[in-house]
N, C-alpha and C. Protein backbone atom coordinates (compact mmCIF):
# COMPACT_ATOMS: atom_id res chain seq x y z
N UNK A 1 0.94 -1.29 -0.20
CA UNK A 1 -0.06 -0.03 0.03
C UNK A 1 0.76 1.25 0.04
N UNK A 2 0.52 2.25 -0.79
CA UNK A 2 1.27 3.55 -0.81
C UNK A 2 0.80 4.42 0.29
N UNK A 3 1.94 4.87 0.86
CA UNK A 3 1.81 5.98 1.92
C UNK A 3 1.83 7.12 1.42
N UNK A 4 1.06 7.91 2.07
CA UNK A 4 1.10 9.40 1.60
C UNK A 4 1.94 10.16 2.44
N UNK A 5 2.87 11.13 1.66
CA UNK A 5 3.69 11.96 2.44
C UNK A 5 3.17 12.84 3.13
N UNK A 6 3.82 13.31 4.22
CA UNK A 6 3.31 14.53 5.22
C UNK A 6 3.95 15.76 4.62
N UNK A 7 3.02 16.52 4.27
CA UNK A 7 3.69 17.89 3.70
C UNK A 7 3.47 19.01 4.72
N UNK A 8 4.36 19.87 5.23
CA UNK A 8 3.94 20.79 6.19
C UNK A 8 2.91 21.95 5.70
N UNK A 9 2.19 22.43 6.42
CA UNK A 9 1.07 23.34 6.22
C UNK A 9 1.54 24.63 5.54
N UNK A 10 2.75 25.04 5.85
CA UNK A 10 3.35 26.28 5.31
C UNK A 10 3.75 25.96 3.92
N UNK A 11 4.03 24.70 3.42
CA UNK A 11 4.46 24.42 2.01
C UNK A 11 3.16 24.36 1.33
N UNK A 12 2.08 23.70 1.95
CA UNK A 12 0.63 23.76 1.26
C UNK A 12 0.34 25.13 1.10
N UNK A 13 0.28 26.06 2.12
CA UNK A 13 -0.16 27.37 1.90
C UNK A 13 0.58 28.18 0.87
N UNK A 14 1.83 28.04 0.76
CA UNK A 14 2.71 28.75 -0.26
C UNK A 14 2.34 28.36 -1.69
N UNK A 15 2.21 27.03 -1.89
CA UNK A 15 1.99 26.36 -3.10
C UNK A 15 0.57 26.87 -3.57
N UNK A 16 -0.38 26.77 -2.66
CA UNK A 16 -1.85 27.45 -3.25
C UNK A 16 -1.89 28.80 -3.41
N UNK A 17 -1.07 29.53 -2.64
CA UNK A 17 -1.02 30.99 -2.93
C UNK A 17 -0.43 31.14 -4.26
N UNK A 18 0.82 30.55 -4.43
CA UNK A 18 1.43 30.68 -5.79
C UNK A 18 0.42 30.43 -6.97
N UNK A 19 -0.21 29.40 -6.79
CA UNK A 19 -1.17 28.87 -7.78
C UNK A 19 -2.23 30.16 -8.06
N UNK A 20 -2.74 30.76 -6.92
CA UNK A 20 -3.69 31.77 -6.99
C UNK A 20 -3.01 32.93 -7.73
N UNK A 21 -1.67 33.24 -7.35
CA UNK A 21 -1.20 34.31 -8.13
C UNK A 21 -1.06 34.24 -9.58
N UNK A 22 -0.86 32.97 -10.18
CA UNK A 22 -1.01 32.76 -11.38
C UNK A 22 0.47 32.97 -12.29
N UNK A 23 1.51 33.11 -11.41
CA UNK A 23 2.83 33.44 -12.07
C UNK A 23 3.55 32.17 -12.63
N UNK A 24 2.89 30.94 -12.06
CA UNK A 24 3.58 29.84 -12.61
C UNK A 24 2.35 28.82 -12.85
N UNK A 25 2.55 27.92 -13.96
CA UNK A 25 1.57 27.14 -14.25
C UNK A 25 1.27 26.04 -13.21
N UNK A 26 0.15 25.42 -13.29
CA UNK A 26 -0.23 24.46 -12.43
C UNK A 26 0.81 23.22 -12.56
N UNK A 27 1.33 22.83 -13.52
CA UNK A 27 2.37 21.85 -13.80
C UNK A 27 3.62 22.32 -13.27
N UNK A 28 4.12 23.68 -13.46
CA UNK A 28 5.27 23.90 -12.86
C UNK A 28 5.28 23.78 -11.42
N UNK A 29 4.15 24.34 -10.59
CA UNK A 29 4.03 24.20 -9.27
C UNK A 29 3.96 22.82 -8.84
N UNK A 30 3.25 21.92 -9.57
CA UNK A 30 3.16 20.50 -9.20
C UNK A 30 4.61 19.95 -9.21
N UNK A 31 5.35 20.14 -10.15
CA UNK A 31 6.65 19.57 -10.29
C UNK A 31 7.62 20.20 -9.09
N UNK A 32 7.55 21.36 -8.86
CA UNK A 32 8.31 22.09 -7.77
C UNK A 32 8.14 21.32 -6.37
N UNK A 33 6.71 21.25 -6.10
CA UNK A 33 6.27 20.95 -4.78
C UNK A 33 6.24 19.42 -4.68
N UNK A 34 6.51 18.63 -5.87
CA UNK A 34 6.33 17.09 -6.01
C UNK A 34 5.06 16.45 -5.48
N UNK A 35 3.86 17.28 -5.71
CA UNK A 35 2.59 16.66 -5.61
C UNK A 35 1.84 16.66 -6.89
N UNK A 36 0.76 15.95 -6.97
CA UNK A 36 -0.02 15.80 -8.11
C UNK A 36 -0.77 17.11 -8.40
N UNK A 37 -1.08 17.53 -9.54
CA UNK A 37 -1.77 18.75 -9.77
C UNK A 37 -3.19 18.83 -9.17
N UNK A 38 -3.90 17.74 -8.88
CA UNK A 38 -5.00 17.71 -8.29
C UNK A 38 -5.12 18.04 -6.87
N UNK A 39 -3.97 17.55 -6.35
CA UNK A 39 -3.72 18.10 -4.87
C UNK A 39 -3.54 19.48 -4.74
N UNK A 40 -2.82 20.04 -5.56
CA UNK A 40 -2.66 21.46 -5.64
C UNK A 40 -3.85 22.22 -5.71
N UNK A 41 -4.74 21.72 -6.62
CA UNK A 41 -5.93 22.37 -6.90
C UNK A 41 -6.99 22.00 -5.45
N UNK A 42 -6.85 21.15 -4.92
CA UNK A 42 -7.62 21.01 -3.65
C UNK A 42 -7.10 21.93 -2.59
N UNK A 43 -5.64 22.20 -2.47
CA UNK A 43 -5.20 23.21 -1.52
C UNK A 43 -5.61 24.64 -1.88
N UNK A 44 -5.61 24.80 -3.30
CA UNK A 44 -6.25 26.27 -3.75
C UNK A 44 -7.79 26.44 -3.18
N UNK A 45 -8.46 25.31 -3.44
CA UNK A 45 -9.79 25.66 -3.03
C UNK A 45 -9.98 25.69 -1.62
N UNK A 46 -9.35 24.94 -0.81
CA UNK A 46 -9.56 25.00 0.55
C UNK A 46 -8.99 26.48 1.02
N UNK A 47 -7.89 27.04 0.58
CA UNK A 47 -7.27 28.35 0.87
C UNK A 47 -8.54 29.48 0.54
N UNK A 48 -9.18 29.29 -0.62
CA UNK A 48 -10.27 30.17 -1.04
C UNK A 48 -11.37 30.20 -0.19
N UNK A 49 -11.70 28.97 0.15
CA UNK A 49 -12.96 28.71 1.03
C UNK A 49 -12.76 29.05 2.43
N UNK A 50 -11.54 28.83 3.17
CA UNK A 50 -11.30 29.11 4.49
C UNK A 50 -10.34 30.18 4.74
N UNK A 51 -9.88 30.59 3.60
CA UNK A 51 -8.99 31.74 3.93
C UNK A 51 -9.51 32.95 4.81
N UNK A 52 -10.70 33.33 4.64
CA UNK A 52 -11.24 34.35 5.38
C UNK A 52 -11.35 34.21 6.87
N UNK A 53 -11.36 32.87 7.25
CA UNK A 53 -11.21 32.55 8.71
C UNK A 53 -9.89 32.98 9.60
N UNK A 54 -8.99 33.19 8.59
CA UNK A 54 -7.77 33.83 9.39
C UNK A 54 -7.91 35.20 10.04
N UNK A 55 -8.87 35.93 9.53
CA UNK A 55 -8.97 37.12 10.00
C UNK A 55 -10.01 37.33 11.12
N UNK A 56 -10.86 36.24 11.51
CA UNK A 56 -11.67 36.37 12.47
C UNK A 56 -11.13 36.52 13.58
N UNK A 57 -11.74 37.23 14.76
CA UNK A 57 -11.24 37.28 16.01
C UNK A 57 -11.06 35.82 16.80
N UNK A 58 -10.13 35.60 17.45
CA UNK A 58 -9.88 34.13 18.12
C UNK A 58 -11.08 33.87 18.94
N UNK A 59 -11.87 34.62 19.79
CA UNK A 59 -12.94 34.28 20.70
C UNK A 59 -14.13 34.30 20.00
N UNK A 60 -14.30 34.80 18.82
CA UNK A 60 -15.82 34.96 18.24
C UNK A 60 -16.34 33.73 18.04
N UNK A 61 -17.61 33.51 18.33
CA UNK A 61 -18.31 32.42 18.29
C UNK A 61 -18.76 32.23 16.72
N UNK A 62 -18.75 31.08 16.15
CA UNK A 62 -18.87 30.94 14.77
C UNK A 62 -20.58 30.92 14.42
N UNK A 63 -20.99 31.74 13.57
CA UNK A 63 -22.20 31.91 13.07
C UNK A 63 -22.47 31.47 11.72
N UNK A 64 -23.25 30.38 11.49
CA UNK A 64 -23.40 29.86 10.11
C UNK A 64 -23.85 30.71 9.16
N UNK A 65 -23.30 30.91 7.91
CA UNK A 65 -23.77 31.93 7.01
C UNK A 65 -24.96 31.41 6.56
N UNK A 66 -25.92 32.16 6.17
CA UNK A 66 -27.31 31.79 5.57
C UNK A 66 -27.17 31.70 4.08
N UNK A 67 -27.49 30.46 3.63
CA UNK A 67 -27.38 30.32 2.09
C UNK A 67 -28.98 30.69 1.48
N UNK A 68 -28.84 31.35 0.34
CA UNK A 68 -30.11 31.59 -0.28
C UNK A 68 -30.58 30.39 -0.99
């Protein structure tokens, strides 16, 4: 069975941010980071979905957003 490698969060963040910047292609970033392009796309999606949480006050209770 193939074991997945553990990649530090800081590397995931940087790779996702670089992908969002668009200065390098998905393939270039995939080769540099040594992960599959789909993995980079997942990291990017996670960053876009949860990035705003970084700016929430630490003691703020989470209120679910209303969906239309």
